[in-house]
Amino acid sequence: MTHLSPNWFDIGPLEQIPQRGARVVKTPRRNIAVFRTAGDEVFALENRCPHKGGPLSEGIIHGRKVACPLHNWIIDLDSGSATGADHGCARSFPVKIEKGRVYLEMTVAVTP
């Protein structure tokens, strides 16, 4: 991971994240799952389902949502919020793509 500014970190090229898949970025405080949709949108959530802490990075991505692999909770990739009748939220982090590279903002966590 290359440090570019006080807030944004270069975590590599977009191609290193599989379409409809995820890559985990390990930090001293938490693991962050960086997701790539079929349409090449990128989202970042703490790699813990708000239900029982399942690894969201191992879930199935459909549209702009991910299904937790443990109990099939559906988590919105934009907000980190559980959908349907489930309640809870995974912490989300800002991401951006510039010149084919993915940048993760690590100092501010965004919650709905």
N, C-alpha and C. Protein backbone atom coordinates (compact mmCIF):
# COMPACT_ATOMS: atom_id res chain seq x y z
N MET A 1 0.86 -1.16 0.00
CA MET A 1 0.00 0.00 0.00
C MET A 1 0.91 1.23 0.00
N THR A 2 0.65 2.17 -0.89
CA THR A 2 1.45 3.37 -1.03
C THR A 2 0.69 4.56 -0.49
N HIS A 3 1.34 5.34 0.35
CA HIS A 3 0.72 6.52 0.95
C HIS A 3 0.83 7.68 -0.03
N LEU A 4 -0.28 8.31 -0.43
CA LEU A 4 -0.27 9.42 -1.37
C LEU A 4 -0.58 10.76 -0.74
N SER A 5 -1.34 10.81 0.30
CA SER A 5 -1.73 12.05 0.96
C SER A 5 -2.03 11.72 2.41
N PRO A 6 -2.37 12.72 3.20
CA PRO A 6 -2.70 12.40 4.59
C PRO A 6 -3.89 11.47 4.75
N ASN A 7 -4.78 11.39 3.74
CA ASN A 7 -6.00 10.62 3.91
C ASN A 7 -6.17 9.44 2.95
N TRP A 8 -5.65 9.53 1.74
CA TRP A 8 -5.90 8.52 0.72
C TRP A 8 -4.70 7.61 0.52
N PHE A 9 -4.97 6.32 0.41
CA PHE A 9 -3.91 5.33 0.20
C PHE A 9 -4.18 4.58 -1.09
N ASP A 10 -3.13 4.42 -1.89
CA ASP A 10 -3.20 3.66 -3.14
C ASP A 10 -3.14 2.18 -2.77
N ILE A 11 -4.20 1.44 -3.06
CA ILE A 11 -4.20 0.01 -2.71
C ILE A 11 -4.01 -0.89 -3.92
N GLY A 12 -3.73 -0.27 -5.08
CA GLY A 12 -3.39 -1.05 -6.26
C GLY A 12 -4.33 -0.85 -7.42
N PRO A 13 -4.04 -1.54 -8.53
CA PRO A 13 -4.88 -1.40 -9.71
C PRO A 13 -6.24 -2.07 -9.53
N LEU A 14 -7.24 -1.49 -10.21
CA LEU A 14 -8.59 -2.04 -10.17
C LEU A 14 -8.61 -3.51 -10.57
N GLU A 15 -7.78 -3.90 -11.51
CA GLU A 15 -7.75 -5.28 -12.00
C GLU A 15 -7.37 -6.30 -10.93
N GLN A 16 -6.76 -5.85 -9.83
CA GLN A 16 -6.41 -6.78 -8.76
C GLN A 16 -7.61 -7.18 -7.91
N ILE A 17 -8.73 -6.51 -8.13
CA ILE A 17 -9.97 -6.87 -7.44
C ILE A 17 -10.86 -7.55 -8.47
N PRO A 18 -11.22 -8.81 -8.27
CA PRO A 18 -12.03 -9.49 -9.28
C PRO A 18 -13.43 -8.88 -9.40
N GLN A 19 -13.96 -8.83 -10.63
CA GLN A 19 -15.33 -8.38 -10.79
C GLN A 19 -16.25 -9.30 -9.99
N ARG A 20 -17.23 -8.66 -9.31
CA ARG A 20 -18.15 -9.38 -8.43
C ARG A 20 -17.38 -10.14 -7.34
N GLY A 21 -16.29 -9.52 -6.87
CA GLY A 21 -15.47 -10.11 -5.83
C GLY A 21 -14.93 -9.04 -4.91
N ALA A 22 -14.00 -9.44 -4.05
CA ALA A 22 -13.44 -8.51 -3.07
C ALA A 22 -11.98 -8.82 -2.80
N ARG A 23 -11.33 -7.85 -2.23
CA ARG A 23 -9.96 -7.98 -1.76
C ARG A 23 -9.92 -7.40 -0.36
N VAL A 24 -9.14 -8.00 0.52
CA VAL A 24 -9.05 -7.52 1.90
C VAL A 24 -7.79 -6.68 2.08
N VAL A 25 -7.97 -5.50 2.67
CA VAL A 25 -6.86 -4.63 3.03
C VAL A 25 -6.74 -4.71 4.54
N LYS A 26 -5.58 -5.15 5.02
CA LYS A 26 -5.36 -5.30 6.46
C LYS A 26 -4.72 -4.04 7.00
N THR A 27 -5.30 -3.52 8.07
CA THR A 27 -4.76 -2.34 8.75
C THR A 27 -4.53 -2.72 10.21
N PRO A 28 -3.80 -1.92 10.95
CA PRO A 28 -3.59 -2.24 12.37
C PRO A 28 -4.88 -2.31 13.18
N ARG A 29 -5.91 -1.58 12.78
CA ARG A 29 -7.16 -1.54 13.56
C ARG A 29 -8.22 -2.50 13.08
N ARG A 30 -8.25 -2.81 11.77
CA ARG A 30 -9.33 -3.64 11.23
C ARG A 30 -8.95 -4.11 9.84
N ASN A 31 -9.71 -5.09 9.36
CA ASN A 31 -9.60 -5.52 7.97
C ASN A 31 -10.73 -4.87 7.19
N ILE A 32 -10.40 -4.35 6.03
CA ILE A 32 -11.38 -3.67 5.19
C ILE A 32 -11.55 -4.47 3.90
N ALA A 33 -12.79 -4.80 3.57
CA ALA A 33 -13.10 -5.49 2.33
C ALA A 33 -13.37 -4.44 1.26
N VAL A 34 -12.65 -4.54 0.15
CA VAL A 34 -12.85 -3.64 -0.98
C VAL A 34 -13.53 -4.46 -2.07
N PHE A 35 -14.74 -4.07 -2.42
CA PHE A 35 -15.58 -4.82 -3.35
C PHE A 35 -15.58 -4.16 -4.73
N ARG A 36 -15.69 -5.00 -5.77
CA ARG A 36 -15.83 -4.52 -7.15
C ARG A 36 -17.07 -5.18 -7.74
N THR A 37 -17.98 -4.36 -8.22
CA THR A 37 -19.21 -4.89 -8.82
C THR A 37 -18.96 -5.28 -10.27
N ALA A 38 -19.97 -5.89 -10.89
CA ALA A 38 -19.89 -6.26 -12.30
C ALA A 38 -19.72 -5.03 -13.18
N GLY A 39 -20.24 -3.88 -12.72
CA GLY A 39 -20.12 -2.62 -13.45
C GLY A 39 -18.89 -1.81 -13.09
N ASP A 40 -17.93 -2.42 -12.40
CA ASP A 40 -16.67 -1.80 -11.99
C ASP A 40 -16.82 -0.67 -10.98
N GLU A 41 -17.92 -0.67 -10.23
CA GLU A 41 -18.02 0.24 -9.09
C GLU A 41 -17.24 -0.38 -7.94
N VAL A 42 -16.66 0.46 -7.09
CA VAL A 42 -15.85 -0.03 -5.98
C VAL A 42 -16.40 0.54 -4.68
N PHE A 43 -16.49 -0.32 -3.66
CA PHE A 43 -16.99 0.03 -2.34
C PHE A 43 -16.06 -0.57 -1.29
N ALA A 44 -16.04 0.02 -0.10
CA ALA A 44 -15.21 -0.51 0.99
C ALA A 44 -16.02 -0.54 2.28
N LEU A 45 -16.01 -1.72 2.92
CA LEU A 45 -16.68 -1.91 4.20
C LEU A 45 -15.73 -2.65 5.14
N GLU A 46 -15.93 -2.43 6.44
CA GLU A 46 -15.19 -3.26 7.39
C GLU A 46 -15.57 -4.71 7.10
N ASN A 47 -14.61 -5.59 7.14
CA ASN A 47 -14.82 -6.98 6.74
C ASN A 47 -15.47 -7.80 7.86
N ARG A 48 -16.57 -7.26 8.42
CA ARG A 48 -17.32 -7.92 9.49
C ARG A 48 -18.80 -7.66 9.30
N CYS A 49 -19.54 -8.73 9.16
CA CYS A 49 -21.00 -8.59 9.08
C CYS A 49 -21.50 -8.07 10.43
N PRO A 50 -22.47 -7.14 10.43
CA PRO A 50 -22.99 -6.63 11.70
C PRO A 50 -23.78 -7.68 12.49
N HIS A 51 -24.10 -8.80 11.91
CA HIS A 51 -24.87 -9.84 12.59
C HIS A 51 -23.98 -10.67 13.52
N LYS A 52 -23.09 -11.45 12.95
CA LYS A 52 -22.23 -12.33 13.75
C LYS A 52 -20.75 -12.20 13.39
N GLY A 53 -20.39 -11.13 12.68
CA GLY A 53 -18.98 -10.89 12.37
C GLY A 53 -18.43 -11.69 11.21
N GLY A 54 -19.29 -12.25 10.37
CA GLY A 54 -18.82 -13.04 9.23
C GLY A 54 -17.99 -12.21 8.26
N PRO A 55 -17.08 -12.86 7.52
CA PRO A 55 -16.20 -12.15 6.59
C PRO A 55 -16.96 -11.75 5.32
N LEU A 56 -17.35 -10.50 5.23
CA LEU A 56 -18.13 -10.03 4.08
C LEU A 56 -17.38 -10.22 2.77
N SER A 57 -16.04 -10.17 2.81
CA SER A 57 -15.24 -10.33 1.59
C SER A 57 -15.45 -11.70 0.94
N GLU A 58 -15.95 -12.66 1.68
CA GLU A 58 -16.19 -14.00 1.15
C GLU A 58 -17.64 -14.19 0.69
N GLY A 59 -18.43 -13.13 0.76
CA GLY A 59 -19.83 -13.20 0.37
C GLY A 59 -20.02 -13.10 -1.13
N ILE A 60 -21.25 -13.32 -1.56
CA ILE A 60 -21.62 -13.24 -2.97
C ILE A 60 -22.14 -11.84 -3.25
N ILE A 61 -21.57 -11.20 -4.28
CA ILE A 61 -21.97 -9.86 -4.66
C ILE A 61 -23.03 -9.96 -5.74
N HIS A 62 -24.12 -9.25 -5.54
CA HIS A 62 -25.17 -9.17 -6.55
C HIS A 62 -25.63 -7.73 -6.61
N GLY A 63 -25.42 -7.12 -7.76
CA GLY A 63 -25.71 -5.69 -7.88
C GLY A 63 -24.81 -4.89 -6.98
N ARG A 64 -25.42 -4.08 -6.12
CA ARG A 64 -24.67 -3.24 -5.17
C ARG A 64 -24.87 -3.73 -3.75
N LYS A 65 -24.97 -5.05 -3.61
CA LYS A 65 -25.16 -5.67 -2.30
C LYS A 65 -24.24 -6.90 -2.19
N VAL A 66 -23.98 -7.30 -0.95
CA VAL A 66 -23.21 -8.52 -0.70
C VAL A 66 -23.98 -9.36 0.32
N ALA A 67 -24.00 -10.66 0.11
CA ALA A 67 -24.64 -11.59 1.04
C ALA A 67 -23.56 -12.16 1.95
N CYS A 68 -23.74 -12.02 3.26
CA CYS A 68 -22.78 -12.57 4.21
C CYS A 68 -22.74 -14.09 4.05
N PRO A 69 -21.55 -14.68 4.04
CA PRO A 69 -21.45 -16.12 3.84
C PRO A 69 -21.91 -16.95 5.04
N LEU A 70 -22.07 -16.34 6.21
CA LEU A 70 -22.46 -17.13 7.38
C LEU A 70 -23.97 -17.34 7.48
N HIS A 71 -24.74 -16.26 7.40
CA HIS A 71 -26.19 -16.38 7.62
C HIS A 71 -27.00 -15.66 6.56
N ASN A 72 -26.36 -15.32 5.44
CA ASN A 72 -27.03 -14.73 4.28
C ASN A 72 -27.67 -13.37 4.54
N TRP A 73 -27.16 -12.62 5.52
CA TRP A 73 -27.64 -11.25 5.66
C TRP A 73 -27.21 -10.49 4.42
N ILE A 74 -28.08 -9.62 3.90
CA ILE A 74 -27.77 -8.83 2.71
C ILE A 74 -27.36 -7.43 3.16
N ILE A 75 -26.15 -7.03 2.77
CA ILE A 75 -25.58 -5.76 3.19
C ILE A 75 -25.45 -4.85 1.97
N ASP A 76 -25.96 -3.64 2.08
CA ASP A 76 -25.86 -2.64 1.02
C ASP A 76 -24.42 -2.13 0.96
N LEU A 77 -23.81 -2.20 -0.23
CA LEU A 77 -22.41 -1.79 -0.36
C LEU A 77 -22.23 -0.28 -0.25
N ASP A 78 -23.24 0.50 -0.61
CA ASP A 78 -23.15 1.96 -0.49
C ASP A 78 -23.07 2.40 0.96
N SER A 79 -23.96 1.89 1.78
CA SER A 79 -24.10 2.38 3.15
C SER A 79 -23.55 1.44 4.22
N GLY A 80 -23.43 0.16 3.90
CA GLY A 80 -23.04 -0.83 4.90
C GLY A 80 -24.21 -1.34 5.71
N SER A 81 -25.40 -0.83 5.44
CA SER A 81 -26.59 -1.20 6.21
C SER A 81 -27.16 -2.55 5.77
N ALA A 82 -27.64 -3.30 6.75
CA ALA A 82 -28.36 -4.54 6.46
C ALA A 82 -29.68 -4.16 5.80
N THR A 83 -30.15 -5.01 4.90
CA THR A 83 -31.38 -4.72 4.18
C THR A 83 -32.51 -5.62 4.67
N GLY A 84 -33.71 -5.35 4.21
CA GLY A 84 -34.86 -6.17 4.59
C GLY A 84 -35.19 -6.01 6.06
N ALA A 85 -35.56 -7.12 6.68
CA ALA A 85 -35.97 -7.10 8.09
C ALA A 85 -34.77 -7.06 9.04
N ASP A 86 -33.55 -7.29 8.52
CA ASP A 86 -32.36 -7.31 9.37
C ASP A 86 -31.93 -5.88 9.71
N HIS A 87 -31.30 -5.71 10.87
CA HIS A 87 -30.85 -4.40 11.32
C HIS A 87 -29.39 -4.48 11.74
N GLY A 88 -28.63 -3.48 11.38
CA GLY A 88 -27.22 -3.41 11.72
C GLY A 88 -26.48 -2.73 10.58
N CYS A 89 -25.23 -2.40 10.83
CA CYS A 89 -24.47 -1.68 9.82
C CYS A 89 -22.99 -2.03 9.92
N ALA A 90 -22.38 -2.31 8.77
CA ALA A 90 -20.94 -2.49 8.69
C ALA A 90 -20.33 -1.12 8.39
N ARG A 91 -19.26 -0.79 9.02
CA ARG A 91 -18.62 0.50 8.82
C ARG A 91 -18.15 0.63 7.36
N SER A 92 -18.43 1.77 6.74
CA SER A 92 -18.02 1.97 5.35
C SER A 92 -16.90 3.00 5.27
N PHE A 93 -16.13 2.92 4.18
CA PHE A 93 -14.98 3.79 3.96
C PHE A 93 -15.04 4.35 2.54
N PRO A 94 -14.69 5.62 2.35
CA PRO A 94 -14.68 6.19 1.00
C PRO A 94 -13.60 5.54 0.13
N VAL A 95 -13.95 5.30 -1.12
CA VAL A 95 -12.99 4.81 -2.12
C VAL A 95 -13.17 5.61 -3.40
N LYS A 96 -12.12 5.65 -4.20
CA LYS A 96 -12.20 6.29 -5.51
C LYS A 96 -11.24 5.58 -6.46
N ILE A 97 -11.53 5.72 -7.75
CA ILE A 97 -10.67 5.16 -8.79
C ILE A 97 -10.13 6.33 -9.61
N GLU A 98 -8.82 6.36 -9.76
CA GLU A 98 -8.17 7.37 -10.58
C GLU A 98 -7.12 6.70 -11.44
N LYS A 99 -7.23 6.89 -12.74
CA LYS A 99 -6.27 6.32 -13.70
C LYS A 99 -6.10 4.82 -13.49
N GLY A 100 -7.21 4.13 -13.23
CA GLY A 100 -7.18 2.68 -13.10
C GLY A 100 -6.68 2.16 -11.76
N ARG A 101 -6.42 3.05 -10.81
CA ARG A 101 -5.94 2.63 -9.49
C ARG A 101 -7.01 2.95 -8.45
N VAL A 102 -7.06 2.12 -7.42
CA VAL A 102 -8.06 2.26 -6.35
C VAL A 102 -7.41 2.92 -5.15
N TYR A 103 -8.11 3.92 -4.61
CA TYR A 103 -7.64 4.65 -3.44
C TYR A 103 -8.67 4.51 -2.32
N LEU A 104 -8.17 4.28 -1.13
CA LEU A 104 -9.00 4.07 0.05
C LEU A 104 -8.69 5.18 1.05
N GLU A 105 -9.75 5.82 1.53
CA GLU A 105 -9.61 6.86 2.54
C GLU A 105 -9.72 6.20 3.91
N MET A 106 -8.68 6.32 4.70
CA MET A 106 -8.59 5.53 5.92
C MET A 106 -8.80 6.30 7.20
N THR A 107 -8.85 7.61 7.18
CA THR A 107 -8.92 8.32 8.46
C THR A 107 -10.32 8.60 8.92
N VAL A 108 -11.29 8.61 8.01
CA VAL A 108 -12.66 8.91 8.38
C VAL A 108 -13.55 7.74 8.00
N ALA A 109 -14.25 7.20 8.96
CA ALA A 109 -15.23 6.15 8.66
C ALA A 109 -16.58 6.80 8.42
N VAL A 110 -17.28 6.33 7.42
CA VAL A 110 -18.58 6.88 7.08
C VAL A 110 -19.64 5.90 7.55
N THR A 111 -20.60 6.39 8.31
CA THR A 111 -21.71 5.55 8.74
C THR A 111 -22.99 6.24 8.35
N PRO A 112 -24.01 5.45 8.05
CA PRO A 112 -25.27 6.07 7.62
C PRO A 112 -25.97 6.80 8.75
